Amino acid sequence: MVSIAFWLVEELLDLYMWAVIIAAILSTLVSFGVLDTRNHIVRTICDFFYRVTEPALRPIRRRMPDLGGIDLSPLILLLLIIALRTALQHIELALF
């Protein structure tokens, strides 16, 4: 039963990692004018990914220095998620 819980947490972290990647790509495409946020569907999709990822990205952005418009917070969040997944795998191996 514990193995299923570790699997579920790992899959949720994997999904969140993909959400961060998609949000970063969407943000870049919007800022370069490739995607038009006046389109209702595009605005809805961008808003969904913003709302999902912003609570985790906001504390990272507050602690980072100003890099002149370059946002590295998604990269840092991805590294943290990978570190958490690795730690969970080690904990699971230690339990069994």
C-alpha atoms as a PDB file:
ATOM      1  CA  MET A   1       0.000   0.000   0.000  1.00  0.00           C
ATOM      2  CA  VAL A   2       2.876   2.353   0.765  1.00  0.00           C
ATOM      3  CA  SER A   3       4.334   1.637  -2.669  1.00  0.00           C
ATOM      4  CA  ILE A   4       1.131   2.891  -4.284  1.00  0.00           C
ATOM      5  CA  ALA A   5       1.328   6.132  -2.292  1.00  0.00           C
ATOM      6  CA  PHE A   6       4.907   6.725  -3.425  1.00  0.00           C
ATOM      7  CA  TRP A   7       3.898   6.008  -7.011  1.00  0.00           C
ATOM      8  CA  LEU A   8       0.976   8.436  -6.789  1.00  0.00           C
ATOM      9  CA  VAL A   9       3.116  11.226  -5.323  1.00  0.00           C
ATOM     10  CA  GLU A  10       5.764  10.649  -7.977  1.00  0.00           C
ATOM     11  CA  GLU A  11       3.176  10.812 -10.764  1.00  0.00           C
ATOM     12  CA  LEU A  12       1.676  14.005  -9.326  1.00  0.00           C
ATOM     13  CA  LEU A  13       5.130  15.583  -9.187  1.00  0.00           C
ATOM     14  CA  ASP A  14       5.681  14.508 -12.793  1.00  0.00           C
ATOM     15  CA  LEU A  15       2.409  16.133 -13.862  1.00  0.00           C
ATOM     16  CA  TYR A  16       3.298  19.313 -12.006  1.00  0.00           C
ATOM     17  CA  MET A  17       6.703  19.337 -13.669  1.00  0.00           C
ATOM     18  CA  TRP A  18       5.000  19.223 -17.074  1.00  0.00           C
ATOM     19  CA  ALA A  19       2.631  22.008 -15.993  1.00  0.00           C
ATOM     20  CA  VAL A  20       5.628  24.207 -15.109  1.00  0.00           C
ATOM     21  CA  ILE A  21       7.239  23.492 -18.475  1.00  0.00           C
ATOM     22  CA  ILE A  22       4.037  24.253 -20.382  1.00  0.00           C
ATOM     23  CA  ALA A  23       3.450  27.442 -18.378  1.00  0.00           C
ATOM     24  CA  ALA A  24       6.983  28.645 -19.136  1.00  0.00           C
ATOM     25  CA  ILE A  25       6.539  27.936 -22.848  1.00  0.00           C
ATOM     26  CA  LEU A  26       3.155  29.668 -22.935  1.00  0.00           C
ATOM     27  CA  SER A  27       4.556  32.678 -21.111  1.00  0.00           C
ATOM     28  CA  THR A  28       7.401  32.940 -23.614  1.00  0.00           C
ATOM     29  CA  LEU A  29       5.066  32.609 -26.595  1.00  0.00           C
ATOM     30  CA  VAL A  30       2.742  35.286 -25.204  1.00  0.00           C
ATOM     31  CA  SER A  31       5.608  37.671 -24.489  1.00  0.00           C
ATOM     32  CA  PHE A  32       6.947  37.309 -28.052  1.00  0.00           C
ATOM     33  CA  GLY A  33       3.483  37.855 -29.506  1.00  0.00           C
ATOM     34  CA  VAL A  34       3.132  34.384 -31.008  1.00  0.00           C
ATOM     35  CA  LEU A  35      -0.003  33.711 -28.982  1.00  0.00           C
ATOM     36  CA  ASP A  36      -2.757  36.319 -28.805  1.00  0.00           C
ATOM     37  CA  THR A  37      -4.315  36.557 -25.346  1.00  0.00           C
ATOM     38  CA  ARG A  38      -7.359  38.299 -26.799  1.00  0.00           C
ATOM     39  CA  ASN A  39      -8.441  34.843 -27.982  1.00  0.00           C
ATOM     40  CA  HIS A  40     -10.694  33.384 -25.289  1.00  0.00           C
ATOM     41  CA  ILE A  41      -9.309  29.827 -25.521  1.00  0.00           C
ATOM     42  CA  VAL A  42      -5.693  30.973 -25.385  1.00  0.00           C
ATOM     43  CA  ARG A  43      -6.467  33.277 -22.452  1.00  0.00           C
ATOM     44  CA  THR A  44      -8.255  30.458 -20.586  1.00  0.00           C
ATOM     45  CA  ILE A  45      -5.401  27.992 -21.099  1.00  0.00           C
ATOM     46  CA  CYS A  46      -2.767  30.535 -20.082  1.00  0.00           C
ATOM     47  CA  ASP A  47      -4.785  31.540 -17.028  1.00  0.00           C
ATOM     48  CA  PHE A  48      -5.154  27.896 -15.955  1.00  0.00           C
ATOM     49  CA  PHE A  49      -1.415  27.229 -16.119  1.00  0.00           C
ATOM     50  CA  TYR A  50      -0.675  30.563 -14.425  1.00  0.00           C
ATOM     51  CA  ARG A  51      -2.996  29.734 -11.534  1.00  0.00           C
ATOM     52  CA  VAL A  52      -1.561  26.237 -11.164  1.00  0.00           C
ATOM     53  CA  THR A  53       2.119  27.213 -11.200  1.00  0.00           C
ATOM     54  CA  GLU A  54       2.193  30.717  -9.725  1.00  0.00           C
ATOM     55  CA  PRO A  55       1.805  29.683  -6.047  1.00  0.00           C
ATOM     56  CA  ALA A  56       5.031  27.670  -6.303  1.00  0.00           C
ATOM     57  CA  LEU A  57       6.883  30.174  -8.483  1.00  0.00           C
ATOM     58  CA  ARG A  58       6.070  33.328  -6.494  1.00  0.00           C
ATOM     59  CA  PRO A  59       8.267  32.544  -3.438  1.00  0.00           C
ATOM     60  CA  ILE A  60      11.157  31.642  -5.726  1.00  0.00           C
ATOM     61  CA  ARG A  61      10.790  34.914  -7.667  1.00  0.00           C
ATOM     62  CA  ARG A  62      10.779  36.923  -4.433  1.00  0.00           C
ATOM     63  CA  ARG A  63      14.103  35.467  -3.332  1.00  0.00           C
ATOM     64  CA  MET A  64      15.868  35.754  -6.682  1.00  0.00           C
ATOM     65  CA  PRO A  65      17.842  38.838  -7.699  1.00  0.00           C
ATOM     66  CA  ASP A  66      16.710  40.924 -10.653  1.00  0.00           C
ATOM     67  CA  LEU A  67      18.263  39.438 -13.788  1.00  0.00           C
ATOM     68  CA  GLY A  68      17.022  42.058 -16.221  1.00  0.00           C
ATOM     69  CA  GLY A  69      13.843  40.409 -17.420  1.00  0.00           C
ATOM     70  CA  ILE A  70      15.093  36.825 -17.451  1.00  0.00           C
ATOM     71  CA  ASP A  71      12.918  34.572 -15.313  1.00  0.00           C
ATOM     72  CA  LEU A  72      14.806  31.537 -14.068  1.00  0.00           C
ATOM     73  CA  SER A  73      12.233  30.586 -11.431  1.00  0.00           C
ATOM     74  CA  PRO A  74      10.681  27.776 -13.543  1.00  0.00           C
ATOM     75  CA  LEU A  75      14.127  26.218 -13.934  1.00  0.00           C
ATOM     76  CA  ILE A  76      14.749  26.387 -10.187  1.00  0.00           C
ATOM     77  CA  LEU A  77      11.316  24.909  -9.484  1.00  0.00           C
ATOM     78  CA  LEU A  78      12.005  22.063 -11.915  1.00  0.00           C
ATOM     79  CA  LEU A  79      15.301  21.339 -10.175  1.00  0.00           C
ATOM     80  CA  LEU A  80      13.530  21.300  -6.809  1.00  0.00           C
ATOM     81  CA  ILE A  81      10.883  18.899  -8.126  1.00  0.00           C
ATOM     82  CA  ILE A  82      13.572  16.590  -9.514  1.00  0.00           C
ATOM     83  CA  ALA A  83      15.397  16.686  -6.172  1.00  0.00           C
ATOM     84  CA  LEU A  84      12.160  15.883  -4.335  1.00  0.00           C
ATOM     85  CA  ARG A  85      11.419  12.966  -6.672  1.00  0.00           C
ATOM     86  CA  THR A  86      14.929  11.609  -6.140  1.00  0.00           C
ATOM     87  CA  ALA A  87      14.577  11.928  -2.365  1.00  0.00           C
ATOM     88  CA  LEU A  88      11.242  10.105  -2.475  1.00  0.00           C
ATOM     89  CA  GLN A  89      12.777   7.299  -4.518  1.00  0.00           C
ATOM     90  CA  HIS A  90      15.572   6.920  -1.964  1.00  0.00           C
ATOM     91  CA  ILE A  91      13.079   6.904   0.902  1.00  0.00           C
ATOM     92  CA  GLU A  92      11.006   4.269  -0.858  1.00  0.00           C
ATOM     93  CA  LEU A  93      14.072   2.096  -1.433  1.00  0.00           C
ATOM     94  CA  ALA A  94      15.085   2.481   2.219  1.00  0.00           C
ATOM     95  CA  LEU A  95      11.643   1.347   3.382  1.00  0.00           C
ATOM     96  CA  PHE A  96      11.637  -1.825   1.312  1.00  0.00           C
END
